[in-house]
């Protein structure tokens, strides 16, 4: 099931952003990618909710699906995470997404497509 720019399908999108030392040179690209994707989503109507987790050796920054409902510009601004460098621990970030971000208490909706997306040095 594809959703292109302008579609109004309901989705809960979680960006998993690698901000470790291995991505130092591509850090701005990762944030720009997440911001550009967010800009094209149907956020303001409430059909799409967006969250993000930024990580290196630990989870360093995040916001949840419940935090910026119907507020596209706030989401794009919230994607500006400090980049401290450090090692890469993707497993911890993905565990955080599964155990926290994709649960109802943090804003995930029942029956809505869940779309985790990773932006790392290897995917940019």
Protein backbone atom coordinates (compact mmCIF):
# COMPACT_ATOMS: atom_id res chain seq x y z
CA UNK A 1 0.00 0.00 0.00
CA UNK A 2 1.72 3.16 -1.24
CA UNK A 3 1.05 6.72 -0.17
CA UNK A 4 2.43 9.54 -2.30
CA UNK A 5 2.60 13.28 -1.62
CA UNK A 6 -0.87 14.64 -1.03
CA UNK A 7 -2.49 11.35 -0.04
CA UNK A 8 -4.66 11.37 3.07
CA UNK A 9 -4.05 7.85 4.40
CA UNK A 10 -3.80 7.58 8.19
CA UNK A 11 -0.27 6.75 9.39
CA UNK A 12 1.85 6.95 12.52
CA UNK A 13 5.40 7.76 11.34
CA UNK A 14 8.46 7.46 13.59
CA UNK A 15 11.83 8.72 12.34
CA UNK A 16 14.81 6.89 13.86
CA UNK A 17 17.75 9.25 13.36
CA UNK A 18 21.36 8.15 13.76
CA UNK A 19 23.30 11.13 15.15
CA UNK A 20 26.42 9.17 16.08
CA UNK A 21 29.99 9.96 15.08
CA UNK A 22 29.73 7.83 11.93
CA UNK A 23 27.16 10.22 10.48
CA UNK A 24 28.76 13.53 11.46
CA UNK A 25 29.13 14.66 7.83
CA UNK A 26 25.62 13.52 6.85
CA UNK A 27 23.80 14.74 9.95
CA UNK A 28 22.20 17.74 8.24
CA UNK A 29 21.09 15.49 5.38
CA UNK A 30 19.29 13.19 7.82
CA UNK A 31 17.44 16.09 9.43
CA UNK A 32 16.63 17.62 6.05
CA UNK A 33 15.29 14.26 4.84
CA UNK A 34 13.01 13.87 7.87
CA UNK A 35 11.83 17.47 7.56
CA UNK A 36 11.13 17.14 3.84
CA UNK A 37 9.20 13.91 4.32
CA UNK A 38 7.24 15.50 7.19
CA UNK A 39 6.44 18.52 5.06
CA UNK A 40 4.83 16.27 2.44
CA UNK A 41 2.66 14.36 4.92
CA UNK A 42 -0.96 15.13 5.78
CA UNK A 43 -0.13 16.18 9.36
CA UNK A 44 -2.27 19.27 9.80
CA UNK A 45 -5.53 17.31 9.27
CA UNK A 46 -4.53 14.76 11.93
CA UNK A 47 -4.37 11.87 9.45
CA UNK A 48 -0.63 11.51 9.97
CA UNK A 49 1.19 11.74 13.29
CA UNK A 50 4.97 12.01 13.44
CA UNK A 51 7.48 11.13 16.15
CA UNK A 52 11.27 10.93 16.21
CA UNK A 53 14.07 9.26 18.13
CA UNK A 54 17.65 10.53 17.79
CA UNK A 55 20.38 8.20 18.99
CA UNK A 56 24.07 7.44 19.14
CA UNK A 57 25.25 5.12 21.93
CA UNK A 58 21.98 5.92 23.78
CA UNK A 59 18.69 7.58 22.93
CA UNK A 60 19.47 11.31 23.04
CA UNK A 61 16.43 13.15 21.83
CA UNK A 62 12.89 12.34 21.03
CA UNK A 63 9.32 13.45 20.68
CA UNK A 64 6.23 11.28 20.57
CA UNK A 65 3.24 10.77 18.27
CA UNK A 66 1.04 12.54 20.83
CA UNK A 67 3.24 15.67 21.12
CA UNK A 68 2.52 17.63 17.92
CA UNK A 69 -0.85 16.50 16.60
CA UNK A 70 -2.00 18.72 13.71
CA UNK A 71 1.15 20.89 13.89
CA UNK A 72 3.41 20.34 10.86
CA UNK A 73 5.72 23.31 11.51
CA UNK A 74 6.27 22.29 15.14
CA UNK A 75 7.28 18.81 13.99
CA UNK A 76 9.74 20.14 11.45
CA UNK A 77 11.28 22.45 14.07
CA UNK A 78 11.43 19.63 16.64
CA UNK A 79 13.57 17.57 14.26
CA UNK A 80 16.59 19.75 15.01
CA UNK A 81 18.54 17.53 17.39
CA UNK A 82 21.96 18.32 18.84
CA UNK A 83 24.63 16.07 17.30
CA UNK A 84 27.04 14.88 20.02
CA UNK A 85 28.73 12.13 17.99
CA UNK A 86 29.61 8.88 19.76
CA UNK A 87 29.10 5.24 18.87
CA UNK A 88 26.08 3.79 17.08
CA UNK A 89 23.53 1.70 19.00
CA UNK A 90 20.66 1.17 16.59
CA UNK A 91 19.24 -1.74 18.59
CA UNK A 92 18.56 0.47 21.62
CA UNK A 93 16.82 3.08 19.45
CA UNK A 94 14.62 0.49 17.74
CA UNK A 95 13.74 -1.04 21.10
CA UNK A 96 12.74 2.43 22.32
CA UNK A 97 10.50 2.87 19.28
CA UNK A 98 8.84 -0.52 19.74
CA UNK A 99 8.36 -0.28 23.51
CA UNK A 100 7.43 3.40 23.75
CA UNK A 101 6.70 5.31 20.55
CA UNK A 102 4.44 2.70 18.98
CA UNK A 103 2.22 2.29 22.06
CA UNK A 104 -1.17 3.90 22.68
CA UNK A 105 0.01 5.76 25.79
CA UNK A 106 2.50 7.70 23.63
CA UNK A 107 0.04 8.49 20.85
CA UNK A 108 0.05 5.45 18.53
CA UNK A 109 -3.41 4.75 17.18
CA UNK A 110 -5.07 1.36 16.92
CA UNK A 111 -5.75 0.25 13.36
CA UNK A 112 -3.45 2.88 11.83
CA UNK A 113 -0.46 1.90 9.70
CA UNK A 114 2.84 2.21 11.64
CA UNK A 115 5.78 3.51 9.59
CA UNK A 116 9.17 3.51 11.34
CA UNK A 117 11.87 5.01 9.11
CA UNK A 118 15.58 5.03 9.82
CA UNK A 119 17.96 7.71 8.57
CA UNK A 120 21.57 6.69 9.07
CA UNK A 121 24.93 7.06 7.38
CA UNK A 122 24.26 3.95 5.32
CA UNK A 123 20.82 5.06 4.09
CA UNK A 124 21.64 8.64 3.00
